[in-house]
Amino acid sequence: MSAADTVLILTHTADHYVIERVAGALEERGARTVRFDTDLFPLEARLSARLDAHGELDLLRSAAAELDTRRVRAVWARKLWAPRLPEGLESRIREGCVRESAAALRGWLSALEGVRWVNPLGAGAEAENKLRQLRLARALGLRIPRTLVTNDPHAVRAFRADAGPLVAKMLTPLSVSMGKAELFMHTSELRDEDLDDLDGLRASPMVFQEKIEKRRELRVACVGARAFAGAIDASRSQGGQTDWRGARPDEARWEPAELAPGIARALRELLERLGLVYGAADLIETPTGELFFLELNPSGEWGMLERDLDLPIAAALAEELLRP
């Protein structure tokens, strides 16, 4: 291990299990890890970036550790989170503090542009574009559901008439960790009565997709050239019929899943085209065994696959982080 032997882990205070798994795998390989809970900045963590004619010095100080960016070998950008700020701040002041904190954090992290990132910040942000994902997946030969993103109620009604039963979901993820987020809308079926009450689209567009009959839902943790797949059948759960995340843990269990070589190859190429090292892909398996690609989340959860199926995802991430 060289002088730069530290892996910086960017996450937040509500993120558990996977952090410890990856940190343990890294330390087994001789690396030091420093966890930075990004929601603690600026109130509890301190960042300093000093530049002058003789060079620069970038320091992170938190209750857990002190870090000089010159010691960093790699960064696991697990999750960047909004800062905690004092209660009672006027809304415009709060918005300004959030903007300044985000700008300062990204500026500080720019000192690490020359090290290994999983995932690079710019690529991770760009990869959140769900329509781009679907276009790329279709071009790579993956089957995708017919999809509409709109804030126009008339377009939704016309799409429903053409495509048949639909599901609705959000464009952006709100997951916190392996647990459930406080603000999250699961994928849900669009009912007949919903077609008469689409005024909410004026404030926020949504994704509408044809409803694919399913046997199981798949979560595939793609790490570099490797794909770790698990499947779940939540159809017998009242809450999980449309989205497995709505099922209780005792209603549906993860089971091993095998991917056809062509599907695994397409997911690997999709990851490459998006500029990612890691991504969690969601697919639907139909009763006849066909697979439909739904989306890929650059920071999607995988802990349940390692915990329930003993898949070595943490070790794979550690190996990617320490790759020369």
Protein backbone atom coordinates (compact mmCIF):
# COMPACT_ATOMS: atom_id res chain seq x y z
CA MET A 1 0.00 0.00 0.00
CA SER A 2 1.37 3.40 -0.96
CA ALA A 3 1.50 6.55 1.17
CA ALA A 4 -1.96 7.42 -0.15
CA ASP A 5 -3.68 4.49 1.57
CA THR A 6 -7.03 5.92 2.65
CA VAL A 7 -10.44 5.30 1.10
CA LEU A 8 -12.90 8.10 1.80
CA ILE A 9 -16.52 6.95 2.18
CA LEU A 10 -19.14 9.62 1.49
CA THR A 11 -22.51 8.84 3.05
CA HIS A 12 -24.90 10.15 5.73
CA THR A 13 -25.81 9.38 9.33
CA ALA A 14 -28.82 7.15 8.55
CA ASP A 15 -26.81 4.83 6.28
CA HIS A 16 -25.90 1.49 7.85
CA TYR A 17 -24.80 -2.09 7.19
CA VAL A 18 -23.34 -1.66 3.71
CA ILE A 19 -20.88 0.94 5.03
CA GLU A 20 -19.54 -1.49 7.61
CA ARG A 21 -19.41 -4.32 5.05
CA VAL A 22 -17.37 -2.34 2.52
CA ALA A 23 -15.16 -0.75 5.20
CA GLY A 24 -14.39 -4.20 6.58
CA ALA A 25 -13.55 -5.55 3.12
CA LEU A 26 -11.23 -2.60 2.48
CA GLU A 27 -9.47 -2.96 5.81
CA GLU A 28 -8.97 -6.67 5.16
CA ARG A 29 -7.07 -5.58 2.05
CA GLY A 30 -4.84 -3.21 3.99
CA ALA A 31 -6.60 0.10 3.34
CA ARG A 32 -7.61 2.66 5.94
CA THR A 33 -11.17 3.99 5.68
CA VAL A 34 -12.59 7.35 6.71
CA ARG A 35 -16.36 7.76 6.80
CA PHE A 36 -17.72 11.24 6.14
CA ASP A 37 -21.42 11.73 6.89
CA THR A 38 -22.16 14.56 4.48
CA ASP A 39 -25.31 15.69 6.32
CA LEU A 40 -23.10 16.74 9.24
CA PHE A 41 -21.51 19.48 7.12
CA PRO A 42 -21.48 22.39 7.86
CA LEU A 43 -22.85 22.23 11.43
CA GLU A 44 -20.66 19.48 12.87
CA ALA A 45 -17.97 18.69 10.29
CA ARG A 46 -15.32 21.17 9.14
CA LEU A 47 -13.84 21.40 5.66
CA SER A 48 -10.97 23.68 4.71
CA ALA A 49 -9.38 24.20 1.29
CA ARG A 50 -6.36 26.53 1.30
CA LEU A 51 -4.65 27.47 -1.95
CA ASP A 52 -1.66 29.74 -2.36
CA ALA A 53 1.41 30.18 -4.57
CA HIS A 54 3.17 27.28 -2.86
CA GLY A 55 0.45 24.67 -3.21
CA GLU A 56 -2.72 23.72 -1.41
CA LEU A 57 -3.95 21.99 1.72
CA ASP A 58 -7.39 20.38 1.95
CA LEU A 59 -8.52 19.13 5.34
CA LEU A 60 -11.61 17.41 6.69
CA ARG A 61 -12.27 17.44 10.42
CA SER A 62 -15.17 15.62 12.03
CA ALA A 63 -15.85 13.97 15.37
CA ALA A 64 -14.71 10.66 13.88
CA ALA A 65 -11.53 11.57 12.01
CA GLU A 66 -9.22 14.12 10.45
CA LEU A 67 -8.25 13.68 6.82
CA ASP A 68 -5.77 15.32 4.47
CA THR A 69 -6.83 14.77 0.86
CA ARG A 70 -3.21 13.96 -0.04
CA ARG A 71 -3.66 10.67 1.84
CA VAL A 72 -6.69 9.57 -0.21
CA ARG A 73 -6.36 6.71 -2.68
CA ALA A 74 -10.03 6.28 -3.62
CA VAL A 75 -13.51 7.63 -2.88
CA TRP A 76 -16.69 5.61 -2.48
CA ALA A 77 -19.39 8.19 -3.24
CA ARG A 78 -22.13 6.11 -1.66
CA LYS A 79 -24.55 9.00 -1.02
CA LEU A 80 -24.28 12.79 -0.73
CA TRP A 81 -26.97 14.22 1.50
CA ALA A 82 -28.55 17.58 2.23
CA PRO A 83 -26.99 19.39 5.21
CA ARG A 84 -28.54 19.66 8.63
CA LEU A 85 -29.09 23.31 9.45
CA PRO A 86 -30.32 25.14 12.56
CA GLU A 87 -34.06 25.23 13.14
CA GLY A 88 -35.83 28.51 12.53
CA LEU A 89 -33.78 29.72 9.56
CA GLU A 90 -35.81 31.86 7.16
CA SER A 91 -36.44 29.90 3.95
CA ARG A 92 -34.29 32.10 1.68
CA ILE A 93 -31.40 31.97 4.16
CA ARG A 94 -31.78 28.18 4.43
CA GLU A 95 -31.76 27.79 0.63
CA GLY A 96 -28.64 29.94 0.40
CA CYS A 97 -26.87 27.92 3.11
CA VAL A 98 -27.72 24.67 1.32
CA ARG A 99 -26.36 26.03 -1.98
CA GLU A 100 -23.17 27.34 -0.40
CA SER A 101 -22.58 24.14 1.54
CA ALA A 102 -23.04 22.00 -1.59
CA ALA A 103 -20.72 24.26 -3.59
CA ALA A 104 -18.05 24.17 -0.89
CA LEU A 105 -18.26 20.39 -0.55
CA ARG A 106 -17.96 19.82 -4.29
CA GLY A 107 -15.10 22.28 -4.47
CA TRP A 108 -13.29 20.46 -1.68
CA LEU A 109 -13.89 17.10 -3.38
CA SER A 110 -12.44 18.46 -6.63
CA ALA A 111 -9.00 18.08 -5.02
CA LEU A 112 -9.59 14.32 -5.39
CA GLU A 113 -10.27 14.30 -9.13
CA GLY A 114 -7.12 12.25 -9.77
CA VAL A 115 -8.03 9.29 -7.53
CA ARG A 116 -10.31 6.30 -8.09
CA TRP A 117 -14.03 7.09 -7.68
CA VAL A 118 -16.98 4.72 -7.33
CA ASN A 119 -18.93 6.40 -8.86
CA PRO A 120 -17.49 9.63 -10.35
CA LEU A 121 -19.78 12.43 -9.15
CA GLY A 122 -20.52 13.83 -12.59
CA ALA A 123 -21.25 10.42 -14.11
CA GLY A 124 -23.46 9.47 -11.18
CA ALA A 125 -25.54 12.63 -11.54
CA GLU A 126 -25.85 12.24 -15.33
CA ALA A 127 -26.81 8.58 -14.99
CA GLU A 128 -29.90 9.51 -12.96
CA ASN A 129 -31.53 10.50 -16.28
CA LYS A 130 -34.12 7.71 -16.56
CA LEU A 131 -35.12 8.46 -20.14
CA ARG A 132 -31.49 8.31 -21.24
CA GLN A 133 -31.14 4.98 -19.42
CA LEU A 134 -34.15 3.55 -21.23
CA ARG A 135 -32.91 4.73 -24.63
CA LEU A 136 -29.49 3.16 -24.03
CA ALA A 137 -31.00 -0.05 -22.68
CA ARG A 138 -33.23 -0.37 -25.73
CA ALA A 139 -30.26 0.25 -28.05
CA LEU A 140 -28.34 -2.52 -26.24
CA GLY A 141 -31.12 -5.01 -26.89
CA LEU A 142 -32.86 -4.97 -23.52
CA ARG A 143 -36.65 -5.02 -23.54
CA ILE A 144 -38.23 -1.95 -21.93
CA PRO A 145 -41.84 -1.08 -21.08
CA ARG A 146 -43.60 1.58 -23.11
CA THR A 147 -42.96 4.75 -21.12
CA LEU A 148 -44.32 8.28 -20.84
CA VAL A 149 -42.85 11.12 -18.77
CA THR A 150 -45.22 14.09 -18.68
CA ASN A 151 -47.02 16.78 -16.74
CA ASP A 152 -49.90 16.76 -19.25
CA PRO A 153 -53.07 14.93 -18.06
CA HIS A 154 -54.31 14.62 -21.66
CA ALA A 155 -51.11 12.78 -22.63
CA VAL A 156 -51.61 10.34 -19.74
CA ARG A 157 -55.18 9.54 -20.77
CA ALA A 158 -54.15 9.02 -24.40
CA PHE A 159 -51.26 6.79 -23.33
CA ARG A 160 -53.58 4.73 -21.12
CA ALA A 161 -55.96 4.25 -24.04
CA ASP A 162 -53.06 3.06 -26.23
CA ALA A 163 -50.95 1.02 -23.80
CA GLY A 164 -53.60 -0.39 -21.47
CA PRO A 165 -53.04 -0.66 -17.69
CA LEU A 166 -50.31 1.67 -16.40
CA VAL A 167 -48.12 2.11 -13.36
CA ALA A 168 -46.89 5.49 -12.09
CA LYS A 169 -43.63 6.30 -10.35
CA MET A 170 -41.15 9.07 -9.62
CA LEU A 171 -38.18 10.11 -11.75
CA THR A 172 -35.75 10.41 -8.83
CA PRO A 173 -34.93 8.08 -5.92
CA LEU A 174 -35.52 9.07 -2.31
CA SER A 175 -34.13 6.00 -0.54
CA VAL A 176 -32.11 6.63 2.62
CA SER A 177 -30.56 3.24 3.35
CA MET A 178 -31.83 -0.33 3.53
CA GLY A 179 -34.77 0.98 5.52
CA LYS A 180 -37.70 2.97 4.18
CA ALA A 181 -37.54 6.67 3.40
CA GLU A 182 -40.02 8.99 5.07
CA LEU A 183 -40.90 10.58 1.73
CA PHE A 184 -41.22 7.97 -0.96
CA MET A 185 -43.83 7.05 -3.52
CA HIS A 186 -43.67 3.40 -4.49
CA THR A 187 -44.53 2.36 -8.00
CA SER A 188 -48.32 2.11 -8.02
CA GLU A 189 -50.99 1.10 -10.49
CA LEU A 190 -52.94 3.92 -12.13
CA ARG A 191 -56.63 3.31 -11.39
CA ASP A 192 -59.59 4.42 -13.50
CA GLU A 193 -60.54 7.03 -10.91
CA ASP A 194 -56.99 8.44 -11.01
CA LEU A 195 -57.49 9.49 -14.62
CA ASP A 196 -60.04 12.07 -13.48
CA ASP A 197 -57.70 13.53 -10.84
CA LEU A 198 -54.37 14.33 -12.49
CA ASP A 199 -54.13 17.98 -11.46
CA GLY A 200 -51.06 17.20 -9.35
CA LEU A 201 -49.06 16.84 -12.56
CA ARG A 202 -49.14 20.64 -12.88
CA ALA A 203 -46.70 20.81 -9.96
CA SER A 204 -44.59 17.75 -10.75
CA PRO A 205 -44.29 15.51 -13.83
CA MET A 206 -44.28 11.74 -13.34
CA VAL A 207 -43.30 8.54 -15.10
CA PHE A 208 -46.02 6.31 -16.53
CA GLN A 209 -45.26 2.85 -17.88
CA GLU A 210 -47.29 0.01 -19.27
CA LYS A 211 -47.98 -2.58 -16.58
CA ILE A 212 -45.90 -5.69 -17.25
CA GLU A 213 -47.31 -8.93 -15.87
CA LYS A 214 -44.63 -10.35 -13.63
CA ARG A 215 -43.53 -13.52 -11.97
CA ARG A 216 -40.66 -11.95 -10.04
CA GLU A 217 -38.80 -8.67 -9.69
CA LEU A 218 -35.01 -8.67 -9.97
CA ARG A 219 -32.44 -6.40 -8.36
CA VAL A 220 -29.01 -6.72 -9.99
CA ALA A 221 -26.00 -5.13 -8.28
CA CYS A 222 -23.58 -4.40 -11.13
CA VAL A 223 -20.00 -3.89 -9.91
CA GLY A 224 -17.54 -3.35 -12.74
CA ALA A 225 -17.75 -6.43 -14.95
CA ARG A 226 -19.64 -8.47 -12.34
CA ALA A 227 -23.40 -8.79 -11.82
CA PHE A 228 -24.97 -10.07 -8.59
CA ALA A 229 -28.67 -10.87 -9.00
CA GLY A 230 -31.48 -11.56 -6.59
CA ALA A 231 -35.18 -12.08 -7.25
CA ILE A 232 -38.26 -11.53 -5.13
CA ASP A 233 -41.91 -12.49 -5.56
CA ALA A 234 -44.01 -9.99 -3.65
CA SER A 235 -47.21 -10.65 -5.59
CA ARG A 236 -48.90 -12.36 -2.65
CA SER A 237 -48.39 -9.25 -0.52
CA GLN A 238 -51.11 -6.63 -0.61
CA GLY A 239 -48.53 -3.85 -0.38
CA GLY A 240 -46.00 -5.41 -2.73
CA GLN A 241 -48.08 -6.48 -5.71
CA THR A 242 -46.87 -3.62 -7.90
CA ASP A 243 -43.59 -2.77 -6.12
CA TRP A 244 -41.68 -5.24 -3.90
CA ARG A 245 -40.61 -2.39 -1.63
CA GLY A 246 -44.19 -2.14 -0.37
CA ALA A 247 -44.09 -5.67 1.08
CA ARG A 248 -43.23 -6.44 4.68
CA PRO A 249 -40.02 -8.45 5.24
CA ASP A 250 -42.04 -11.48 6.35
CA GLU A 251 -44.18 -11.45 3.18
CA ALA A 252 -41.48 -11.90 0.54
CA ARG A 253 -37.93 -13.21 0.58
CA TRP A 254 -35.01 -12.76 -1.76
CA GLU A 255 -33.89 -15.80 -3.70
CA PRO A 256 -30.92 -16.37 -6.03
CA ALA A 257 -31.37 -15.44 -9.69
CA GLU A 258 -29.34 -16.27 -12.77
CA LEU A 259 -28.96 -13.87 -15.68
CA ALA A 260 -28.68 -15.03 -19.27
CA PRO A 261 -25.24 -14.10 -20.69
CA GLY A 262 -26.82 -11.62 -23.12
CA ILE A 263 -28.65 -9.78 -20.32
CA ALA A 264 -25.53 -9.63 -18.13
CA ARG A 265 -23.47 -8.37 -21.08
CA ALA A 266 -26.04 -5.65 -21.90
CA LEU A 267 -26.12 -4.46 -18.28
CA ARG A 268 -22.33 -4.36 -18.19
CA GLU A 269 -22.24 -2.27 -21.36
CA LEU A 270 -24.99 0.00 -20.03
CA LEU A 271 -22.87 0.64 -16.94
CA GLU A 272 -19.88 1.48 -19.14
CA ARG A 273 -21.85 3.85 -21.38
CA LEU A 274 -23.15 5.67 -18.31
CA GLY A 275 -19.58 6.03 -17.01
CA LEU A 276 -20.34 4.09 -13.83
CA VAL A 277 -18.46 1.52 -11.79
CA TYR A 278 -21.53 0.54 -9.75
CA GLY A 279 -25.26 0.56 -10.43
CA ALA A 280 -28.34 -1.34 -9.19
CA ALA A 281 -30.59 -2.44 -12.05
CA ASP A 282 -34.27 -3.30 -11.62
CA LEU A 283 -35.89 -5.78 -13.99
CA ILE A 284 -39.20 -7.63 -14.23
CA GLU A 285 -39.40 -11.31 -15.11
CA THR A 286 -42.69 -12.17 -16.84
CA PRO A 287 -44.57 -15.47 -16.32
CA THR A 288 -43.03 -16.68 -19.60
CA GLY A 289 -39.48 -15.87 -18.44
CA GLU A 290 -38.88 -12.68 -20.45
CA LEU A 291 -36.98 -9.87 -18.75
CA PHE A 292 -37.89 -6.18 -18.98
CA PHE A 293 -35.40 -3.51 -17.90
CA LEU A 294 -36.98 -0.81 -15.72
CA GLU A 295 -34.15 1.42 -14.48
CA LEU A 296 -30.65 1.62 -13.04
CA ASN A 297 -29.90 3.50 -9.83
CA PRO A 298 -26.24 4.63 -9.50
CA SER A 299 -26.50 4.41 -5.70
CA GLY A 300 -29.19 1.74 -5.40
CA GLU A 301 -29.39 -0.57 -2.39
CA TRP A 302 -27.70 -3.97 -2.41
CA GLY A 303 -27.31 -4.81 1.27
CA MET A 304 -30.31 -7.15 1.31
CA LEU A 305 -28.73 -9.24 -1.46
CA GLU A 306 -25.51 -9.70 0.51
CA ARG A 307 -27.33 -10.26 3.80
CA ASP A 308 -29.94 -12.73 2.53
CA LEU A 309 -28.10 -14.44 -0.33
CA ASP A 310 -24.48 -14.16 0.85
CA LEU A 311 -23.43 -12.45 -2.37
CA PRO A 312 -19.92 -10.91 -2.10
CA ILE A 313 -20.89 -7.43 -3.25
CA ALA A 314 -18.92 -5.57 -0.56
CA ALA A 315 -15.77 -7.45 -1.53
CA ALA A 316 -16.34 -6.63 -5.20
CA LEU A 317 -16.74 -2.93 -4.38
CA ALA A 318 -13.58 -2.98 -2.27
CA GLU A 319 -11.66 -4.54 -5.16
CA GLU A 320 -12.95 -1.88 -7.55
CA LEU A 321 -11.98 0.90 -5.15
CA LEU A 322 -8.44 -0.43 -4.80
CA ARG A 323 -7.98 -1.10 -8.50
CA PRO A 324 -4.86 0.73 -9.81
